[in-house]
Protein backbone atom coordinates (compact mmCIF):
# COMPACT_ATOMS: atom_id res chain seq x y z
CA VAL A 1 51.77 100.47 -26.67
CA ARG A 2 55.52 100.94 -26.19
CA PHE A 3 54.88 102.78 -22.90
CA VAL A 4 52.67 99.95 -21.60
CA LEU A 5 55.31 97.41 -22.62
CA ILE A 6 58.10 99.29 -20.81
CA GLN A 7 56.04 99.72 -17.65
CA TYR A 8 55.09 96.06 -17.62
CA LEU A 9 58.71 94.90 -18.05
CA ILE A 10 59.82 97.22 -15.24
CA MET A 11 57.17 95.74 -12.93
CA GLN A 12 58.23 92.22 -13.87
CA THR A 13 61.89 93.02 -13.23
CA LEU A 14 61.26 94.56 -9.82
CA SER A 15 58.74 91.97 -8.65
CA ILE A 16 59.77 89.10 -6.36
CA PRO A 17 58.54 85.67 -7.54
CA ALA A 18 55.59 84.66 -5.43
CA THR A 19 55.14 81.26 -3.82
CA TYR A 20 51.69 79.80 -3.25
CA ASN A 21 50.44 77.26 -0.73
CA SER A 22 47.47 76.34 -2.91
CA TRP A 23 45.90 76.92 -6.30
CA PHE A 24 43.14 78.94 -4.63
CA GLU A 25 45.72 81.35 -3.24
CA LEU A 26 47.12 81.75 -6.76
CA PHE A 27 43.61 82.36 -8.11
CA CYS A 28 42.99 85.04 -5.47
CA ASP A 29 46.18 86.82 -6.52
CA ILE A 30 45.03 86.71 -10.15
CA VAL A 31 41.61 88.14 -9.30
CA SER A 32 43.05 90.91 -7.13
CA GLY A 33 45.94 91.75 -9.44
CA ALA A 34 48.48 91.15 -6.69
CA GLY A 35 50.43 88.69 -8.86
CA ASP A 36 50.85 89.77 -12.48
CA PRO A 37 48.83 92.95 -13.18
CA LEU A 38 48.93 92.44 -16.96
CA PHE A 39 47.56 88.91 -16.57
CA THR A 40 44.71 90.18 -14.40
CA ILE A 41 43.84 93.08 -16.72
CA SER A 42 43.89 90.77 -19.74
CA LEU A 43 41.68 88.25 -17.92
CA TYR A 44 39.05 90.87 -17.17
CA CYS A 45 39.24 92.18 -20.75
CA GLY A 46 38.69 88.64 -22.00
CA LEU A 47 35.62 88.23 -19.79
CA PHE A 48 34.14 91.18 -21.69
CA ILE A 49 35.54 90.50 -25.18
CA PHE A 50 34.51 86.86 -25.60
CA PRO A 51 30.82 87.38 -24.76
CA LEU A 52 30.95 90.27 -27.24
CA LEU A 53 32.45 87.99 -29.92
CA ILE A 54 29.74 85.39 -29.23
CA TYR A 55 27.14 88.12 -29.72
CA VAL A 56 28.78 89.24 -32.97
CA GLY A 57 28.81 85.65 -34.20
CA ALA A 58 25.14 85.26 -33.29
CA GLN A 59 24.32 88.42 -35.24
CA ILE A 60 26.18 87.05 -38.26
CA HIS A 61 23.98 83.95 -37.94
CA VAL A 62 20.80 86.04 -37.86
CA HIS A 63 21.60 88.56 -40.59
CA PHE A 64 23.91 86.79 -43.05
CA LEU A 65 22.90 83.12 -43.06
CA THR A 66 20.02 81.87 -45.13
CA GLU A 67 16.96 80.43 -43.45
CA LEU A 68 18.05 76.91 -44.36
CA GLN A 69 21.55 77.49 -42.96
CA GLN A 70 20.08 78.89 -39.75
CA LYS A 71 18.13 75.67 -39.26
CA ARG A 72 21.36 73.66 -39.21
CA ILE A 73 22.76 75.41 -36.13
CA SER A 74 21.47 77.70 -33.39
CA ALA A 75 22.58 81.33 -33.21
CA LEU A 76 24.18 80.74 -29.80
CA THR A 77 26.19 77.76 -31.01
CA PHE A 78 27.30 79.58 -34.16
CA GLY A 79 28.36 82.58 -32.06
CA SER A 80 30.30 80.28 -29.74
CA TYR A 81 32.08 78.70 -32.72
CA PHE A 82 32.93 82.16 -34.04
CA ALA A 83 34.51 83.17 -30.70
CA ALA A 84 36.25 79.78 -30.39
CA PHE A 85 37.80 80.16 -33.85
CA ILE A 86 39.29 83.54 -32.93
CA HIS A 87 40.44 82.18 -29.57
CA ALA A 88 42.23 79.27 -31.24
CA ILE A 89 44.21 81.60 -33.51
CA LEU A 90 44.92 83.99 -30.61
CA VAL A 91 46.67 81.39 -28.44
CA THR A 92 48.22 79.04 -31.00
CA VAL A 93 50.83 81.42 -32.44
CA PRO A 94 52.37 82.63 -29.13
CA SER A 95 52.34 79.09 -27.71
CA TYR A 96 54.64 77.88 -30.50
CA PHE A 97 56.96 80.81 -29.84
CA VAL A 98 57.21 79.69 -26.21
CA LEU A 99 57.90 76.09 -27.22
CA PHE A 100 60.44 76.64 -29.98
CA ALA A 101 62.00 80.09 -29.59
CA GLU A 102 63.38 82.46 -26.99
CA LEU A 103 60.73 85.09 -26.40
CA SER A 104 61.47 88.73 -27.06
CA ASP A 105 60.06 91.30 -24.64
CA THR A 106 57.15 92.05 -26.96
CA GLN A 107 56.39 88.35 -27.46
CA ARG A 108 56.47 87.79 -23.70
CA VAL A 109 53.80 90.46 -23.23
CA TRP A 110 51.73 88.95 -26.06
CA TRP A 111 52.02 85.52 -24.44
CA THR A 112 50.77 86.84 -21.09
CA ILE A 113 47.84 88.61 -22.73
CA SER A 114 46.87 85.62 -24.87
CA ILE A 115 47.04 83.05 -22.06
CA ALA A 116 45.03 85.25 -19.67
CA MET A 117 42.38 85.85 -22.33
CA SER A 118 42.35 82.11 -23.02
CA MET A 119 41.56 81.51 -19.36
CA ALA A 120 38.73 84.04 -19.72
CA TYR A 121 37.45 82.19 -22.78
CA PHE A 122 37.10 78.93 -20.84
CA LEU A 123 35.51 80.68 -17.84
CA VAL A 124 32.92 82.29 -20.13
CA HIS A 125 32.08 78.96 -21.77
CA ILE A 126 31.59 76.98 -18.53
CA PRO A 127 28.05 78.32 -17.88
CA LEU A 128 27.43 78.67 -21.63
CA GLU A 129 27.71 74.91 -22.12
CA LEU A 130 24.48 74.53 -20.15
CA LEU A 131 22.57 76.64 -22.67
CA PHE A 132 23.42 75.10 -26.04
CA PRO A 133 20.18 73.67 -27.45
CA ASP A 134 21.90 71.38 -29.98
CA GLN A 135 24.22 69.55 -27.59
CA SER A 136 23.67 66.25 -25.78
CA ALA A 137 23.80 66.01 -21.98
CA SER A 138 26.87 63.76 -22.07
CA MET A 139 28.76 66.19 -24.32
CA MET A 140 27.75 69.05 -22.04
CA VAL A 141 29.27 67.28 -19.02
CA VAL A 142 32.48 66.51 -20.92
CA MET A 143 32.86 70.09 -22.11
CA VAL A 144 32.22 71.59 -18.66
CA ILE A 145 34.92 69.32 -17.21
CA HIS A 146 37.24 70.24 -20.08
CA HIS A 147 36.73 73.98 -19.59
CA CYS A 148 37.12 73.85 -15.80
CA VAL A 149 40.37 71.87 -16.02
CA SER A 150 41.72 74.06 -18.83
CA ALA A 151 41.02 77.31 -16.96
CA ALA A 152 42.62 75.95 -13.77
CA ILE A 153 45.79 74.88 -15.61
CA LEU A 154 46.04 78.17 -17.52
CA ALA A 155 45.99 80.07 -14.23
CA THR A 156 49.34 78.50 -13.31
CA ALA A 157 50.99 80.42 -16.18
CA CYS A 158 50.65 83.53 -14.00
CA MET A 159 53.47 82.16 -11.82
CA ASN A 160 55.97 82.91 -14.64
CA ASP A 161 57.96 79.76 -13.85
CA THR A 162 59.88 78.62 -16.95
CA LEU A 163 58.93 74.94 -16.77
CA ILE A 164 55.28 75.55 -15.91
CA THR A 165 55.04 78.13 -18.69
CA TRP A 166 56.45 75.56 -21.14
CA LEU A 167 53.92 72.95 -19.96
CA VAL A 168 51.05 75.41 -20.35
CA ALA A 169 52.24 76.31 -23.85
CA LEU A 170 52.48 72.62 -24.74
CA GLY A 171 48.91 72.15 -23.57
CA ILE A 172 47.38 75.20 -25.27
CA GLN A 173 49.13 74.71 -28.63
CA CYS A 174 46.57 71.98 -29.28
CA GLU A 175 44.12 74.77 -30.13
CA LEU A 176 45.61 74.53 -33.62
CA SER A 177 43.33 71.52 -34.12
CA ASN A 178 40.35 73.67 -33.16
CA VAL A 179 41.04 76.00 -36.07
CA PHE A 180 40.37 73.08 -38.40
CA MET A 181 37.51 71.74 -36.30
CA HIS A 182 35.61 75.01 -36.58
CA CYS A 183 36.36 75.24 -40.29
CA THR A 184 34.56 71.90 -40.56
CA ALA A 185 31.66 73.20 -38.48
CA PHE A 186 31.28 76.36 -40.59
CA ALA A 187 31.60 74.35 -43.80
CA SER A 188 28.86 71.98 -42.64
CA VAL A 189 26.52 74.91 -42.06
CA LEU A 190 27.41 76.60 -45.36
CA GLN A 191 27.58 73.27 -47.25
CA HIS A 192 31.03 74.20 -48.59
CA LYS A 193 32.76 71.00 -49.76
CA GLN A 194 36.28 72.38 -50.20
CA LEU A 195 36.38 74.05 -46.78
CA TYR A 196 34.94 70.91 -45.20
CA PHE A 197 37.69 68.79 -46.78
CA VAL A 198 40.45 71.13 -45.56
CA GLY A 199 38.97 71.28 -42.06
CA GLY A 200 38.49 67.53 -41.88
CA LEU A 201 41.97 66.74 -43.15
CA GLY A 202 43.43 69.24 -40.70
CA GLN A 203 41.56 67.60 -37.83
CA LEU A 204 42.70 64.10 -38.79
CA ILE A 205 46.33 65.26 -38.77
CA THR A 206 46.52 67.83 -35.98
CA TYR A 207 44.16 66.32 -33.40
CA PRO A 208 46.21 63.17 -32.69
CA ILE A 209 49.54 65.03 -32.95
CA THR A 210 48.89 68.25 -31.03
CA ARG A 211 46.66 66.68 -28.38
CA VAL A 212 47.40 62.99 -27.92
CA TYR A 213 51.04 62.69 -29.02
CA ALA A 214 52.09 65.97 -27.38
CA GLY A 215 50.40 65.00 -24.13
CA VAL A 216 51.42 61.34 -23.93
CA CYS A 217 54.98 61.70 -25.23
CA ALA A 218 55.95 65.13 -23.91
CA GLY A 219 53.57 66.73 -21.43
CA ILE A 220 52.76 63.96 -18.94
CA PRO A 221 56.31 62.44 -18.96
CA THR A 222 57.78 65.89 -18.27
CA ILE A 223 55.42 66.45 -15.35
CA LEU A 224 56.31 63.04 -13.90
CA ASN A 225 60.05 63.48 -14.37
CA GLN A 226 60.15 67.06 -13.09
CA LYS A 227 57.98 66.63 -9.99
CA ARG A 228 60.63 68.05 -7.67
CA GLN A 229 61.15 71.16 -9.77
CA ILE A 230 57.41 71.79 -10.11
CA THR A 231 56.68 71.33 -6.41
CA THR A 232 59.63 73.60 -5.56
CA ALA A 233 58.41 76.33 -7.89
CA ALA A 234 54.76 75.84 -6.89
CA ASN A 235 53.40 73.20 -4.49
CA ASP A 236 52.07 69.64 -4.44
CA GLU A 237 48.52 70.79 -5.20
CA ILE A 238 49.52 72.53 -8.43
CA TYR A 239 51.69 69.54 -9.39
CA TRP A 240 48.72 67.18 -9.10
CA LEU A 241 46.53 69.69 -10.93
CA LEU A 242 48.97 69.68 -13.84
CA LEU A 243 49.33 65.89 -13.84
CA LEU A 244 45.70 64.86 -13.36
CA GLY A 245 44.33 67.76 -15.39
CA SER A 246 46.61 66.98 -18.33
CA SER A 247 45.66 63.30 -18.10
CA VAL A 248 41.95 64.12 -18.24
CA LEU A 249 42.43 66.38 -21.26
CA VAL A 250 44.52 63.75 -23.05
CA LEU A 251 41.87 61.10 -22.34
CA ILE A 252 39.16 63.32 -23.87
CA SER A 253 41.41 63.89 -26.89
CA VAL A 254 42.09 60.17 -27.30
CA VAL A 255 38.36 59.43 -27.41
CA HIS A 256 37.75 62.12 -30.02
CA SER A 257 40.79 61.08 -32.09
CA VAL A 258 39.55 57.50 -32.20
CA THR A 259 36.06 58.75 -33.13
CA ILE A 260 37.22 60.76 -36.13
CA TRP A 261 39.66 58.09 -37.33
CA ILE A 262 37.07 55.29 -37.21
CA ASN A 263 35.53 56.80 -40.32
CA PRO A 264 38.01 59.28 -41.86
CA ILE A 265 36.01 59.50 -45.09
CA LYS A 266 33.19 61.08 -43.13
CA MET A 267 35.62 63.79 -42.02
CA LEU A 268 36.62 64.53 -45.61
CA MET A 269 33.41 64.18 -47.62
CA LEU A 270 30.61 66.59 -46.83
CA GLN A 271 27.24 64.86 -46.72
CA LYS A 272 24.58 66.93 -48.43
CA GLN A 273 21.87 67.86 -45.96
CA MET A 274 18.23 67.70 -46.89
CA LYS A 275 16.13 70.84 -47.00
CA SER A 276 14.08 69.58 -44.08
CA ALA A 277 17.17 69.71 -41.83
């Protein structure tokens, strides 16, 4: 591990910062490994690891859940929640290091790996959203848009620009709320009242703060105020991607925040499901 870390830092030190005329050019560099090799390797690893985690989660559903619990959620959806829970933990911790501390060399490598694998997570889930049997068509459309925008924004972290990296970290730290959201989902399946209460309370607190407040009061204003710096480090296309993409994600978060706060008791008190569920 130490050898890989040293080699990566040497490559980063000797490399000349790349400039891109478009997001597609950046994406091509990521795919080919011409930009940041560690980012590319981590992306490809993520494209293998997350389907594997979904499979593991589905197997847990089949072999460890009771028949009644299996009726409450499909194996594919449960497997997706399992992978999403791990993903949320994977990216939340390094994102807060980026936001509030000066990264050490080891933390910088961990950040690159986590953000590339996060991009892989969203790419894997784009086609997967079409397959979930227990999801409405409108929710499917919203989630596909969410995943496409998220993956596109995460790709900009490969540029290693300080401001863009900070903006990406600010955006991905909201995955903290997903930790609680999936606790609620698992608790609903298992009919575990205490876990459901913790997950619901966590959602009520973290969803508006990490998603809406962070986006409206920090992310979008920073993008607007630092347009010249962003376009200098990247280009106009990536600037508008960050601005419009962040706005779309904040809008989705506002809708969900309002939804859960309309009836907060429902988020805290687990409703007992009938055996016919």
